[in-house]
Protein backbone atom coordinates (compact mmCIF):
# COMPACT_ATOMS: atom_id res chain seq x y z
CA MET A 1 -62.44 -28.44 26.52
CA ILE A 2 -63.02 -24.72 26.92
CA ARG A 3 -63.57 -25.08 30.64
CA LYS A 4 -60.39 -27.11 30.96
CA ASN A 5 -58.39 -24.44 29.12
CA GLN A 6 -59.90 -21.78 31.34
CA PHE A 7 -58.92 -23.78 34.42
CA PHE A 8 -55.32 -24.06 33.16
CA LEU A 9 -55.29 -20.32 32.52
CA LEU A 10 -56.44 -19.65 36.06
CA LEU A 11 -53.61 -21.80 37.37
CA LEU A 12 -51.12 -19.76 35.33
CA LEU A 13 -52.45 -16.37 36.42
CA PRO A 14 -50.45 -16.15 39.71
CA ALA A 15 -47.21 -16.95 37.89
CA LEU A 16 -48.04 -14.50 35.10
CA PHE A 17 -48.83 -11.82 37.67
CA LEU A 18 -45.50 -12.30 39.44
CA LEU A 19 -43.71 -12.36 36.09
CA MET A 20 -45.26 -9.03 35.15
CA LEU A 21 -44.67 -7.54 38.59
CA PHE A 22 -40.99 -8.41 38.95
CA ILE A 23 -39.78 -8.62 35.34
CA LEU A 24 -41.96 -6.92 32.75
CA ILE A 25 -42.70 -3.76 34.72
CA PRO A 26 -39.02 -3.07 35.69
CA VAL A 27 -37.91 -3.77 32.11
CA GLY A 28 -40.58 -1.45 30.77
CA GLN A 29 -39.59 1.22 33.27
CA SER A 30 -35.96 0.95 32.18
CA PHE A 31 -36.97 1.40 28.55
CA TYR A 32 -39.03 4.43 29.53
CA LEU A 33 -36.26 6.06 31.54
CA SER A 34 -33.68 5.42 28.82
CA PHE A 35 -35.46 7.98 26.61
CA HIS A 36 -35.45 10.64 29.34
CA ARG A 37 -32.89 12.72 31.18
CA VAL A 38 -33.49 11.99 34.84
CA ILE A 39 -31.02 13.11 37.50
CA SER A 40 -31.46 11.52 40.91
CA GLY A 41 -31.48 14.01 43.77
CA LEU A 42 -32.57 16.92 41.59
CA PRO A 43 -36.35 16.56 41.40
CA GLN A 44 -36.74 20.22 40.41
CA LEU A 45 -35.31 19.39 36.98
CA GLY A 46 -38.01 16.79 36.37
CA GLU A 47 -37.97 14.27 33.55
CA THR A 48 -36.91 15.63 30.20
CA MET A 49 -37.70 13.66 27.07
CA VAL A 50 -34.46 13.36 25.06
CA GLY A 51 -35.27 10.54 22.65
CA PHE A 52 -32.19 8.57 21.60
CA GLU A 53 -29.73 11.06 23.07
CA ASN A 54 -28.71 8.73 25.90
CA TYR A 55 -27.98 5.99 23.36
CA ARG A 56 -25.95 8.38 21.19
CA ASP A 57 -23.94 9.46 24.22
CA LEU A 58 -23.43 5.81 25.14
CA PHE A 59 -22.17 5.02 21.65
CA HIS A 60 -19.55 7.79 21.90
CA ASP A 61 -18.61 7.07 25.53
CA PRO A 62 -15.03 5.69 25.65
CA VAL A 63 -15.55 4.29 29.16
CA ALA A 64 -18.63 2.39 27.97
CA ARG A 65 -16.72 0.95 25.01
CA HIS A 66 -13.89 -0.14 27.31
CA SER A 67 -16.43 -1.65 29.72
CA LEU A 68 -18.03 -3.57 26.85
CA TRP A 69 -14.64 -4.90 25.74
CA THR A 70 -13.83 -5.93 29.32
CA THR A 71 -17.18 -7.69 29.53
CA VAL A 72 -16.56 -9.55 26.26
CA ILE A 73 -13.15 -10.74 27.51
CA PHE A 74 -14.69 -11.85 30.79
CA VAL A 75 -17.54 -13.71 29.06
CA GLY A 76 -15.28 -15.43 26.53
CA VAL A 77 -12.64 -16.64 28.98
CA THR A 78 -14.96 -17.69 31.80
CA THR A 79 -17.44 -19.48 29.55
CA PHE A 80 -14.72 -21.46 27.79
CA PHE A 81 -13.00 -22.66 30.96
CA GLU A 82 -16.23 -23.26 32.86
CA LEU A 83 -17.52 -25.54 30.13
CA LEU A 84 -14.17 -27.31 29.83
CA ILE A 85 -13.82 -27.87 33.58
CA GLY A 86 -17.52 -28.64 33.87
CA LEU A 87 -17.22 -31.33 31.19
CA PHE A 88 -14.26 -32.89 33.01
CA LEU A 89 -16.08 -32.84 36.35
CA ALA A 90 -19.25 -34.26 34.82
CA LEU A 91 -17.37 -37.15 33.24
CA LEU A 92 -15.63 -37.80 36.56
CA MET A 93 -18.83 -37.68 38.62
CA HIS A 94 -20.60 -39.96 36.13
CA LYS A 95 -18.22 -42.83 36.84
CA HIS A 96 -18.99 -45.36 39.58
CA PHE A 97 -16.44 -45.34 42.41
CA PRO A 98 -16.48 -45.21 46.23
CA GLY A 99 -17.19 -41.72 47.51
CA ARG A 100 -18.92 -40.51 44.35
CA GLY A 101 -21.76 -38.96 46.37
CA ALA A 102 -19.32 -37.02 48.55
CA LEU A 103 -17.51 -35.78 45.45
CA ARG A 104 -20.75 -34.56 43.89
CA ALA A 105 -21.64 -32.69 47.06
CA ALA A 106 -18.17 -31.13 47.29
CA VAL A 107 -18.24 -30.01 43.65
CA LEU A 108 -21.54 -28.21 44.16
CA ILE A 109 -20.40 -26.30 47.25
CA PRO A 110 -18.84 -23.36 45.32
CA TRP A 111 -22.01 -22.92 43.28
CA ALA A 112 -24.15 -22.98 46.44
CA ILE A 113 -22.13 -20.23 48.12
CA PRO A 114 -23.67 -16.76 47.58
CA THR A 115 -21.69 -14.77 45.03
CA VAL A 116 -21.01 -11.88 47.41
CA VAL A 117 -19.60 -14.27 50.01
CA ALA A 118 -17.44 -15.99 47.39
CA ALA A 119 -16.18 -12.62 46.13
CA GLN A 120 -15.30 -11.52 49.66
CA MET A 121 -13.43 -14.79 50.21
CA TRP A 122 -11.39 -14.26 47.02
CA ARG A 123 -10.66 -10.68 48.08
CA PHE A 124 -9.07 -12.03 51.26
CA LEU A 125 -7.17 -14.68 49.29
CA MET A 126 -5.77 -12.03 46.93
CA ASN A 127 -4.90 -9.51 49.65
CA ASP A 128 -1.44 -8.01 49.19
CA ALA A 129 -0.60 -8.07 52.91
CA TYR A 130 -2.00 -11.32 54.31
CA GLY A 131 -3.51 -13.13 51.34
CA THR A 132 -3.20 -16.90 51.09
CA VAL A 133 -2.16 -16.73 47.44
CA ASN A 134 0.89 -14.61 48.24
CA TYR A 135 1.77 -16.85 51.18
CA LEU A 136 1.63 -19.97 49.02
CA LEU A 137 3.81 -18.36 46.35
CA PHE A 138 6.32 -16.43 48.45
CA GLY A 139 6.03 -17.81 51.99
CA THR A 140 7.18 -15.34 54.61
CA GLU A 141 8.99 -13.08 52.12
CA THR A 142 6.44 -10.30 52.46
CA ALA A 143 8.56 -7.93 50.38
CA SER A 144 7.77 -10.07 47.34
CA TYR A 145 4.00 -10.06 47.90
CA VAL A 146 2.04 -8.94 44.84
CA PRO A 147 -1.02 -6.63 45.05
CA TRP A 148 -3.08 -8.76 42.70
CA LEU A 149 -6.11 -6.49 42.79
CA ALA A 150 -4.07 -3.34 42.16
CA TYR A 151 -2.78 -4.23 38.69
CA PRO A 152 -5.19 -4.10 35.72
CA ALA A 153 -4.25 -7.49 34.21
CA THR A 154 -4.14 -9.42 37.48
CA ALA A 155 -7.28 -7.75 38.82
CA LEU A 156 -9.30 -8.87 35.82
CA GLY A 157 -7.66 -12.29 36.08
CA ALA A 158 -8.71 -12.53 39.73
CA ILE A 159 -12.35 -11.87 38.85
CA ILE A 160 -12.20 -14.41 36.03
CA LEU A 161 -10.64 -17.01 38.33
CA ALA A 162 -13.25 -16.41 41.03
CA ASP A 163 -16.10 -16.80 38.55
CA ILE A 164 -14.66 -20.00 37.08
CA TRP A 165 -14.18 -21.46 40.57
CA LYS A 166 -17.75 -20.66 41.54
CA THR A 167 -19.79 -21.57 38.46
CA ALA A 168 -17.90 -24.38 36.71
CA SER A 169 -19.83 -26.75 38.97
CA PHE A 170 -23.11 -25.40 37.54
CA ALA A 171 -21.99 -26.32 34.04
CA ALA A 172 -20.90 -29.71 35.38
CA LEU A 173 -24.36 -30.28 36.85
CA LEU A 174 -26.08 -29.56 33.52
CA ILE A 175 -23.69 -31.76 31.55
CA LEU A 176 -23.98 -34.53 34.13
CA ALA A 177 -27.75 -34.51 33.57
CA GLY A 178 -27.10 -35.08 29.88
CA LEU A 179 -24.70 -37.93 30.63
CA GLN A 180 -27.16 -39.75 32.85
CA VAL A 181 -29.78 -40.10 30.12
CA ILE A 182 -27.37 -42.01 27.84
CA SER A 183 -28.22 -45.70 27.84
CA PRO A 184 -25.34 -47.92 29.07
CA GLU A 185 -26.13 -50.35 26.27
CA ILE A 186 -24.81 -47.83 23.74
CA HIS A 187 -21.38 -47.82 25.39
CA GLN A 188 -21.46 -51.57 25.73
CA ALA A 189 -22.10 -51.84 21.99
CA GLY A 190 -19.07 -49.61 21.41
CA LEU A 191 -16.94 -51.87 23.57
CA VAL A 192 -18.09 -54.90 21.62
CA ASP A 193 -17.10 -53.15 18.39
CA GLY A 194 -13.62 -52.54 19.82
CA ALA A 195 -13.89 -48.78 20.37
CA GLY A 196 -11.45 -47.28 22.87
CA SER A 197 -12.22 -44.66 25.52
CA TRP A 198 -11.48 -41.70 23.24
CA GLN A 199 -13.43 -43.19 20.34
CA ARG A 200 -16.45 -43.85 22.56
CA PHE A 201 -16.34 -40.30 23.87
CA ARG A 202 -15.91 -38.77 20.42
CA HIS A 203 -18.51 -40.81 18.54
CA ILE A 204 -21.00 -41.72 21.26
CA THR A 205 -20.81 -39.52 24.36
CA TRP A 206 -20.08 -36.15 22.79
CA PRO A 207 -22.84 -36.20 20.13
CA LEU A 208 -25.40 -37.21 22.78
CA ILE A 209 -24.42 -34.57 25.36
CA ARG A 210 -24.07 -31.68 22.93
CA PRO A 211 -27.62 -30.43 23.67
CA ALA A 212 -26.77 -30.35 27.39
CA VAL A 213 -23.52 -28.52 26.62
CA MET A 214 -25.49 -26.05 24.52
CA VAL A 215 -27.85 -25.38 27.43
CA ALA A 216 -24.88 -24.87 29.77
CA LEU A 217 -23.28 -22.55 27.21
CA LEU A 218 -26.50 -20.55 26.91
CA PHE A 219 -27.00 -20.09 30.65
CA ARG A 220 -23.37 -19.37 31.42
CA THR A 221 -22.91 -16.86 28.58
CA ILE A 222 -25.97 -14.83 29.53
CA ASP A 223 -25.15 -14.99 33.24
CA ALA A 224 -21.52 -13.99 32.65
CA PHE A 225 -22.63 -11.10 30.46
CA ARG A 226 -24.62 -9.72 33.40
CA VAL A 227 -21.76 -10.02 35.92
CA PHE A 228 -21.86 -7.35 38.61
CA ASP A 229 -21.37 -8.60 42.16
CA LEU A 230 -17.92 -10.16 41.66
CA ALA A 231 -16.48 -7.00 40.14
CA TYR A 232 -18.22 -4.77 42.68
CA VAL A 233 -16.98 -6.63 45.76
CA LEU A 234 -13.48 -7.43 44.52
CA THR A 235 -12.39 -4.21 42.80
CA GLN A 236 -15.33 -1.79 42.41
CA GLY A 237 -14.31 -1.60 38.77
CA GLY A 238 -10.69 -0.61 39.38
CA PRO A 239 -7.87 -0.17 39.00
CA ALA A 240 -8.25 2.49 36.31
CA ASP A 241 -11.54 0.94 35.13
CA ALA A 242 -9.72 -2.30 34.24
CA THR A 243 -12.53 -4.42 35.70
CA ASN A 244 -15.34 -1.96 35.06
CA VAL A 245 -17.73 -4.37 33.36
CA LEU A 246 -20.78 -2.94 31.61
CA GLN A 247 -23.27 -3.86 34.33
CA LEU A 248 -21.11 -2.20 36.98
CA TYR A 249 -20.68 0.90 34.82
CA GLY A 250 -24.45 1.19 34.52
CA TYR A 251 -24.78 0.88 38.30
CA LYS A 252 -22.27 3.67 38.83
CA LYS A 253 -24.05 5.95 36.40
CA MET A 254 -27.43 5.33 38.01
CA PHE A 255 -26.79 5.12 41.74
CA VAL A 256 -23.42 6.84 42.23
CA GLU A 257 -23.58 9.69 39.73
CA GLY A 258 -27.37 9.88 39.64
CA TRP A 259 -27.85 9.71 35.86
CA MET A 260 -30.89 7.47 35.90
CA GLY A 261 -31.72 7.88 32.21
CA TYR A 262 -28.20 7.21 31.01
CA GLY A 263 -27.82 4.25 33.35
CA SER A 264 -31.15 2.88 32.14
CA ALA A 265 -29.88 3.10 28.55
CA ILE A 266 -26.91 0.95 29.57
CA SER A 267 -29.26 -1.55 31.22
CA VAL A 268 -31.42 -1.69 28.09
CA CYS A 269 -28.34 -2.36 25.96
CA ILE A 270 -27.28 -5.20 28.27
CA PHE A 271 -30.78 -6.65 28.16
CA THR A 272 -30.88 -6.40 24.36
CA MET A 273 -27.48 -8.03 23.90
CA ALA A 274 -28.33 -10.85 26.32
CA LEU A 275 -31.62 -11.44 24.50
CA PHE A 276 -29.82 -11.45 21.16
CA LEU A 277 -27.32 -14.03 22.43
CA ALA A 278 -30.14 -16.24 23.69
CA VAL A 279 -31.94 -16.12 20.35
CA VAL A 280 -28.73 -16.86 18.44
CA TYR A 281 -27.90 -19.85 20.63
CA VAL A 282 -31.39 -21.32 20.52
CA ARG A 283 -32.02 -20.81 16.80
CA ALA A 284 -28.59 -21.08 15.18
CA VAL A 285 -26.92 -23.58 17.51
CA GLY A 286 -29.57 -25.42 19.46
CA ARG A 287 -31.73 -26.37 16.49
CA ARG A 288 -28.82 -28.00 14.61
CA LEU A 289 -27.73 -29.91 17.70
CA LEU A 290 -31.21 -31.20 18.42
CA GLU A 291 -31.73 -32.18 14.79
CA ALA A 292 -28.38 -33.99 14.79
CA ARG A 293 -29.43 -35.90 17.90
CA VAL A 294 -32.70 -36.96 16.29
């Protein structure tokens, strides 16, 4: 038994090494830098230990608070609509009809497209001079074209729309996996008992797919909280910091302004909040759903 356990440990060592190399070490380095004042490009100043000063400055930073609020709005809106659309798509793809395989492939195309490419595509669609959105709304009346990415409300809406378009299919894929493990006999029993479509969904389908929905909610919330590339490509955080999500603000502080310690403090806060959300979902939500299923 001991030799077998040792063999299993040896098999895990390469994965553990890569995990430490690409995750644990960068996270530890971010924690270390967050307690120092490090200015990129000024090596003569060195690293100055400042304790929690970066975190105190972050707490009193109005731009950081606005970025956090923007991030919360983005996470709340995108997660809600992605799960709603994903549930609809999953129910549709679960049905048997001609062309179902083609539909499944088409639904997954947005998720397969790299985020930077998708963001660039949406930037062209929202362009105020030749964008497809303006052409569909106003035709050739170019005087009526709207600069969607130049107004705070519409710029944030454009990023939200782009994220929903791209990742709703990922939620649909997870929920579809939950649908496919439901035995057809359960629905047939509901039909025999005279249950309609809505009653079968409410009392049979929904309780059985709630764990899959919880998993989709967990992944999408954490991923949306770390959004960076969409905001960077579409608006660079503008106009007037309207789309300056927290991850993008940390990038600007670190690599544009050179405040490596302060930017690391922002990264640590994002990591901590994402970890907290994961623990809350798994312990407070996931356990009840799994117990209800059992």
